[in-house]
Amino acid sequence: MSKRIPLTLACGDYEIVRAIKEGLVRVEGVDLTVIIENDAGVRHRRFFRNNEFDAAEASSSNFLVARDKGLPYCAIPVFLHRRFRHGFVFINTTKGINTPTDLIGKKIGVVKFQSSSNLWVRGILEQEYGVPHRSIEWFSEADESVEVIPSPELKLSRVPVGKSVDRMLAEGELDAVMDPDPIQPFVEKDPRVARLFPDYKTEEIKFFRKTGIFPIMHVTCIRREIVDRYPWIPTNLYRAFREAKSLAMARMANPRIAPLAWYQEAWEEQQEILGRDPWEYGLTAANKKQLEILIGHSHNQGMIKTRHSVEELFLPVMP
């Protein structure tokens, strides 16, 4: 490995990758170019549809569909983005929706049906609250990052050209919307739009204490031809990500790092509830458990035909 291999990596601008982005941590044997792309949907499309990067932080849901279709992508167990999702279900306040089961039989909009956030929310609503995804009429706004033919049992339609699901929600054309981010009418404090779970943090903590799941949104993918040509790259990339995260966590333990009045309290609360390393990498027991659940959600919702094992989907890496 005397010659460094040029490699492009696209990911979000996270504290846990700062050391790699700034060159403080290097991937052994690799001349890495880090491309910061904070619009996750754009990044996933550029990677899966256009093959613009050698490696990328990518939607876990898109990755499962890509592998199910036999597309040439691999993954290492580095999870750069996790997020609880109870707070990202929005309702029209005039539709009489007060509990999750009130969603049964309703019209729900999504930007993309396949996104990891929506995959998790549908699974959580079905398993934890008794809301079958097939009981809902779905409306999507945009093309998926990885094309898939929906299950014939799924009621899924496209919204008219020029319309957005968030505005359709505010106008009452939809009953609810799921989105990876707070939708614009909610940000603008439109009284016609509210969260399904007003006290979403309490629901998320209860969910974690019951299941141990801090939902994995994204995995780190590598194009298969890179792995075939340089089989040592996955391990070296994994080690660099792990080192960068360790540096970030040590840095973030300093309450002076962020201009937040109650930062220390938030940091301590996270540790008390989620443990010392809720962002852990590797195929640990906790990570395997939730990846298996995610695979089950994808299979149940008709996005993948085969329930591959976690070991089949992720490359072996040396710690």
Foldseek 3Di string as FASTA:
>chain_A
DVAAAEFEEEEAPDQLCVCVQVVVFDQPSHPYDYHHDNPQQVQLLCCLVVVPGQKYWHFPLLLQLCVLVVAQKAFAFAFPDFADFQQQKKFFPVQPQAALQSQFQFEEEEQDCRALSNLVVQLCCCPPPPHHQLRYAYEHEDAHSHDFDFDPSHNYYYDDPPDDRVVCRLVVVGGMYGYPDDDDCVVVVPVRMDRSDNPRVVVRLVVCVVQVDRGRGTTMMGGNVVCVVPVQRSQSVVVSSVVSNVVSLVVLCDQVPDPDPCSNVVQVVCCVRNNSCVSDGDPDVSNQVNSQSSLVSCCVRRSHVDSDHPPVRHDDYDD
